[in-house]
């Protein structure tokens, strides 16, 4: 089964959500919105868990398909190297991320 997943903080972009709903209506491809925050606030641990479980195991295959290294999903800030997945849309097939677009 294929579905689209939108990773965001809080509600995310209303425009992206509207477009995903339109894709679901027109093409029958289901979508889901995954809020990476907790109570509306940034949650570093939640993002890290998502990155480690859904993106890191597929890094080599994702790079081959997109031409971009998985490290583009990461940001350097201060002395911390943290996961930065909000704004990412992924194609999920059989519960595995197959493709993603950063910076939506």
N, C-alpha and C. Protein backbone atom coordinates (compact mmCIF):
# COMPACT_ATOMS: atom_id res chain seq x y z
N UNK A 1 0.83 -1.17 0.00
CA UNK A 1 0.00 0.00 0.00
C UNK A 1 0.88 1.25 0.00
N UNK A 2 0.55 2.20 -0.83
CA UNK A 2 1.29 3.46 -0.92
C UNK A 2 0.47 4.57 -0.28
N UNK A 3 1.14 5.44 0.47
CA UNK A 3 0.49 6.61 1.03
C UNK A 3 1.51 7.74 1.13
N UNK A 4 1.01 8.95 1.23
CA UNK A 4 1.87 10.11 1.40
C UNK A 4 1.88 10.49 2.87
N UNK A 5 3.03 10.88 3.37
CA UNK A 5 3.13 11.31 4.76
C UNK A 5 3.80 12.68 4.81
N UNK A 6 3.14 13.60 5.49
CA UNK A 6 3.64 14.96 5.66
C UNK A 6 4.11 15.11 7.11
N UNK A 7 5.41 15.35 7.28
CA UNK A 7 5.99 15.57 8.60
C UNK A 7 5.99 17.07 8.86
N UNK A 8 5.46 17.50 10.00
CA UNK A 8 5.37 18.93 10.26
C UNK A 8 5.45 19.22 11.75
N UNK A 9 5.49 20.50 12.08
CA UNK A 9 5.40 20.96 13.46
C UNK A 9 3.99 21.53 13.63
N UNK A 10 3.29 21.10 14.64
CA UNK A 10 1.93 21.59 14.86
C UNK A 10 1.02 21.23 13.70
N UNK A 11 0.29 22.21 13.18
CA UNK A 11 -0.64 21.98 12.07
C UNK A 11 0.06 21.90 10.72
N UNK A 12 1.30 22.42 10.65
CA UNK A 12 2.00 22.44 9.37
C UNK A 12 1.39 23.47 8.45
N UNK A 13 1.70 23.36 7.19
CA UNK A 13 1.21 24.29 6.18
C UNK A 13 -0.19 23.89 5.72
N UNK A 14 -1.12 24.83 5.82
CA UNK A 14 -2.49 24.58 5.36
C UNK A 14 -2.53 24.31 3.87
N UNK A 15 -1.64 24.96 3.11
CA UNK A 15 -1.61 24.75 1.67
C UNK A 15 -1.17 23.33 1.34
N UNK A 16 -0.15 22.83 2.04
CA UNK A 16 0.32 21.46 1.80
C UNK A 16 -0.78 20.46 2.16
N UNK A 17 -1.43 20.67 3.29
CA UNK A 17 -2.51 19.78 3.70
C UNK A 17 -3.64 19.79 2.68
N UNK A 18 -3.98 20.96 2.17
CA UNK A 18 -5.04 21.07 1.16
C UNK A 18 -4.65 20.31 -0.10
N UNK A 19 -3.40 20.43 -0.53
CA UNK A 19 -2.94 19.72 -1.73
C UNK A 19 -2.96 18.21 -1.51
N UNK A 20 -2.58 17.76 -0.33
CA UNK A 20 -2.62 16.33 -0.04
C UNK A 20 -4.05 15.81 -0.07
N UNK A 21 -4.97 16.59 0.47
CA UNK A 21 -6.38 16.19 0.43
C UNK A 21 -6.88 16.12 -1.01
N UNK A 22 -6.43 17.04 -1.84
CA UNK A 22 -6.82 17.03 -3.25
C UNK A 22 -6.28 15.80 -3.96
N UNK A 23 -5.04 15.42 -3.65
CA UNK A 23 -4.45 14.20 -4.24
C UNK A 23 -5.25 12.98 -3.81
N UNK A 24 -5.63 12.93 -2.53
CA UNK A 24 -6.42 11.80 -2.04
C UNK A 24 -7.75 11.72 -2.77
N UNK A 25 -8.40 12.86 -2.93
CA UNK A 25 -9.70 12.90 -3.60
C UNK A 25 -9.60 12.51 -5.07
N UNK A 26 -8.65 13.08 -5.78
CA UNK A 26 -8.54 12.85 -7.23
C UNK A 26 -7.93 11.50 -7.59
N UNK A 27 -6.95 11.06 -6.80
CA UNK A 27 -6.20 9.86 -7.20
C UNK A 27 -6.34 8.68 -6.25
N UNK A 28 -7.03 8.90 -5.13
CA UNK A 28 -7.25 7.80 -4.19
C UNK A 28 -6.00 7.39 -3.41
N UNK A 29 -4.98 8.23 -3.39
CA UNK A 29 -3.76 7.93 -2.63
C UNK A 29 -3.93 8.52 -1.23
N UNK A 30 -4.00 7.68 -0.22
CA UNK A 30 -4.21 8.21 1.13
C UNK A 30 -3.00 9.01 1.62
N UNK A 31 -3.25 9.90 2.56
CA UNK A 31 -2.17 10.68 3.14
C UNK A 31 -2.36 10.75 4.66
N UNK A 32 -1.28 11.10 5.32
CA UNK A 32 -1.34 11.30 6.76
C UNK A 32 -0.41 12.45 7.12
N UNK A 33 -0.74 13.12 8.21
CA UNK A 33 0.05 14.23 8.70
C UNK A 33 0.64 13.81 10.04
N UNK A 34 1.97 13.85 10.13
CA UNK A 34 2.64 13.45 11.36
C UNK A 34 3.22 14.68 12.03
N UNK A 35 2.64 15.05 13.16
CA UNK A 35 3.08 16.21 13.94
C UNK A 35 4.29 15.81 14.78
N UNK A 36 5.42 16.46 14.53
CA UNK A 36 6.64 16.14 15.24
C UNK A 36 6.84 16.98 16.50
N UNK A 37 5.84 17.74 16.87
CA UNK A 37 5.94 18.53 18.10
C UNK A 37 5.17 17.84 19.21
N UNK A 38 5.34 18.35 20.41
CA UNK A 38 4.58 17.85 21.56
C UNK A 38 3.92 19.05 22.21
N UNK A 39 2.62 19.07 22.21
CA UNK A 39 1.90 20.19 22.78
C UNK A 39 2.20 21.51 22.10
N UNK A 40 2.49 21.45 20.80
CA UNK A 40 2.79 22.65 20.03
C UNK A 40 4.22 23.14 20.14
N UNK A 41 5.04 22.47 20.95
CA UNK A 41 6.43 22.88 21.13
C UNK A 41 7.38 21.89 20.45
N UNK A 42 8.52 22.39 20.03
CA UNK A 42 9.55 21.56 19.40
C UNK A 42 9.90 20.40 20.32
N UNK A 43 9.98 19.19 19.75
CA UNK A 43 10.31 18.00 20.51
C UNK A 43 11.46 17.28 19.83
N UNK A 44 12.66 17.58 20.28
CA UNK A 44 13.88 17.02 19.70
C UNK A 44 13.88 15.49 19.72
N UNK A 45 13.45 14.91 20.82
CA UNK A 45 13.46 13.45 20.94
C UNK A 45 12.47 12.79 19.99
N UNK A 46 11.32 13.38 19.81
CA UNK A 46 10.32 12.83 18.89
C UNK A 46 10.86 12.85 17.45
N UNK A 47 11.48 13.96 17.06
CA UNK A 47 12.07 14.04 15.72
C UNK A 47 13.18 13.02 15.55
N UNK A 48 14.00 12.87 16.57
CA UNK A 48 15.10 11.91 16.50
C UNK A 48 14.58 10.49 16.31
N UNK A 49 13.54 10.14 17.07
CA UNK A 49 12.95 8.79 16.93
C UNK A 49 12.43 8.56 15.52
N UNK A 50 11.74 9.55 14.96
CA UNK A 50 11.21 9.42 13.59
C UNK A 50 12.35 9.27 12.59
N UNK A 51 13.37 10.11 12.72
CA UNK A 51 14.51 10.04 11.80
C UNK A 51 15.18 8.66 11.88
N UNK A 52 15.47 8.22 13.10
CA UNK A 52 16.17 6.95 13.28
C UNK A 52 15.35 5.77 12.76
N UNK A 53 14.03 5.80 12.96
CA UNK A 53 13.18 4.68 12.56
C UNK A 53 12.81 4.69 11.09
N UNK A 54 12.56 5.87 10.52
CA UNK A 54 11.97 5.92 9.19
C UNK A 54 12.91 6.37 8.07
N UNK A 55 13.93 7.16 8.39
CA UNK A 55 14.80 7.68 7.34
C UNK A 55 16.19 7.05 7.35
N UNK A 56 16.81 6.98 8.48
CA UNK A 56 18.19 6.49 8.55
C UNK A 56 18.36 5.07 7.98
N UNK A 57 17.46 4.11 8.28
CA UNK A 57 17.64 2.76 7.73
C UNK A 57 17.58 2.71 6.20
N UNK A 58 16.97 3.69 5.59
CA UNK A 58 16.80 3.68 4.14
C UNK A 58 17.74 4.68 3.45
N UNK A 59 18.73 5.20 4.18
CA UNK A 59 19.56 6.30 3.69
C UNK A 59 20.20 6.01 2.33
N UNK A 60 20.80 4.87 2.16
CA UNK A 60 21.50 4.56 0.91
C UNK A 60 20.53 4.50 -0.28
N UNK A 61 19.39 3.84 -0.06
CA UNK A 61 18.39 3.73 -1.13
C UNK A 61 17.78 5.10 -1.43
N UNK A 62 17.52 5.90 -0.39
CA UNK A 62 16.94 7.22 -0.62
C UNK A 62 17.91 8.10 -1.40
N UNK A 63 19.18 8.03 -1.09
CA UNK A 63 20.17 8.84 -1.81
C UNK A 63 20.21 8.42 -3.28
N UNK A 64 20.14 7.12 -3.53
CA UNK A 64 20.16 6.63 -4.91
C UNK A 64 18.96 7.15 -5.69
N UNK A 65 17.78 7.17 -5.07
CA UNK A 65 16.57 7.60 -5.76
C UNK A 65 16.45 9.11 -5.90
N UNK A 66 16.92 9.85 -4.89
CA UNK A 66 16.74 11.31 -4.91
C UNK A 66 17.98 12.07 -5.34
N UNK A 67 19.13 11.43 -5.27
CA UNK A 67 20.38 12.10 -5.60
C UNK A 67 20.90 12.98 -4.49
N UNK A 68 20.21 12.98 -3.36
CA UNK A 68 20.62 13.81 -2.22
C UNK A 68 20.94 12.92 -1.03
N UNK A 69 22.00 13.23 -0.30
CA UNK A 69 22.31 12.43 0.90
C UNK A 69 21.29 12.67 2.00
N UNK A 70 21.13 11.66 2.82
CA UNK A 70 20.18 11.75 3.94
C UNK A 70 20.55 12.88 4.88
N UNK A 71 21.81 13.27 4.90
CA UNK A 71 22.24 14.34 5.80
C UNK A 71 21.59 15.67 5.46
N UNK A 72 20.98 15.80 4.29
CA UNK A 72 20.24 17.03 3.98
C UNK A 72 19.03 17.19 4.89
N UNK A 73 18.62 16.08 5.51
CA UNK A 73 17.51 16.15 6.46
C UNK A 73 17.98 16.62 7.83
N UNK A 74 19.28 16.76 7.99
CA UNK A 74 19.81 17.16 9.29
C UNK A 74 20.31 18.59 9.24
N UNK A 75 20.29 19.23 10.38
CA UNK A 75 20.76 20.61 10.48
C UNK A 75 21.80 20.70 11.58
N UNK A 76 22.74 21.60 11.39
CA UNK A 76 23.73 21.85 12.43
C UNK A 76 23.33 23.12 13.15
N UNK A 77 23.25 23.05 14.45
CA UNK A 77 22.89 24.22 15.24
C UNK A 77 23.66 24.22 16.54
N UNK A 78 24.31 25.32 16.83
CA UNK A 78 25.11 25.44 18.04
C UNK A 78 26.07 24.25 18.11
N UNK A 79 26.03 23.52 19.23
CA UNK A 79 26.91 22.35 19.35
C UNK A 79 26.13 21.06 19.20
N UNK A 80 24.91 21.16 18.73
CA UNK A 80 24.05 19.97 18.60
C UNK A 80 23.84 19.64 17.13
N UNK A 81 23.80 18.37 16.85
CA UNK A 81 23.52 17.88 15.51
C UNK A 81 22.14 17.24 15.61
N UNK A 82 21.12 17.91 15.13
CA UNK A 82 19.77 17.44 15.39
C UNK A 82 19.01 17.14 14.10
N UNK A 83 17.99 16.35 14.26
CA UNK A 83 17.15 15.96 13.13
C UNK A 83 16.27 17.14 12.74
N UNK A 84 16.10 17.35 11.45
CA UNK A 84 15.23 18.42 10.97
C UNK A 84 14.35 17.88 9.86
N UNK A 85 13.26 17.27 10.25
CA UNK A 85 12.37 16.66 9.25
C UNK A 85 11.09 17.43 8.97
N UNK A 86 10.70 18.45 9.78
CA UNK A 86 9.46 19.16 9.45
C UNK A 86 9.51 19.76 8.05
N UNK A 87 8.40 19.68 7.35
CA UNK A 87 8.34 20.18 5.99
C UNK A 87 8.68 19.12 4.97
N UNK A 88 8.89 17.90 5.42
CA UNK A 88 9.24 16.80 4.52
C UNK A 88 7.98 16.04 4.14
N UNK A 89 7.88 15.69 2.87
CA UNK A 89 6.80 14.81 2.41
C UNK A 89 7.47 13.54 1.91
N UNK A 90 6.96 12.41 2.37
CA UNK A 90 7.53 11.12 1.98
C UNK A 90 6.47 10.24 1.35
N UNK A 91 6.92 9.38 0.45
CA UNK A 91 6.08 8.32 -0.09
C UNK A 91 6.41 7.09 0.73
N UNK A 92 5.39 6.51 1.34
CA UNK A 92 5.56 5.35 2.20
C UNK A 92 4.89 4.16 1.52
N UNK A 93 5.66 3.10 1.33
CA UNK A 93 5.14 1.87 0.72
C UNK A 93 5.41 0.72 1.68
N UNK A 94 4.37 0.01 2.04
CA UNK A 94 4.50 -1.12 2.96
C UNK A 94 5.25 -0.71 4.23
N UNK A 95 4.88 0.44 4.79
CA UNK A 95 5.42 0.96 6.05
C UNK A 95 6.88 1.38 5.99
N UNK A 96 7.44 1.53 4.78
CA UNK A 96 8.82 1.99 4.65
C UNK A 96 8.87 3.23 3.78
N UNK A 97 9.66 4.22 4.21
CA UNK A 97 9.84 5.43 3.42
C UNK A 97 10.63 5.07 2.17
N UNK A 98 10.06 5.37 0.99
CA UNK A 98 10.73 5.06 -0.26
C UNK A 98 11.32 6.30 -0.92
N UNK A 99 10.72 7.43 -0.68
CA UNK A 99 11.14 8.65 -1.36
C UNK A 99 10.71 9.83 -0.51
N UNK A 100 11.46 10.91 -0.57
CA UNK A 100 11.07 12.09 0.20
C UNK A 100 11.46 13.36 -0.52
N UNK A 101 10.81 14.44 -0.17
CA UNK A 101 11.14 15.78 -0.69
C UNK A 101 11.29 16.69 0.53
N UNK A 102 12.41 17.40 0.59
CA UNK A 102 12.72 18.26 1.72
C UNK A 102 12.32 19.69 1.44
N UNK A 103 11.92 20.39 2.49
CA UNK A 103 11.69 21.81 2.39
C UNK A 103 10.41 22.20 1.68
N UNK A 104 9.38 21.44 1.90
CA UNK A 104 8.08 21.71 1.29
C UNK A 104 7.50 22.96 1.89
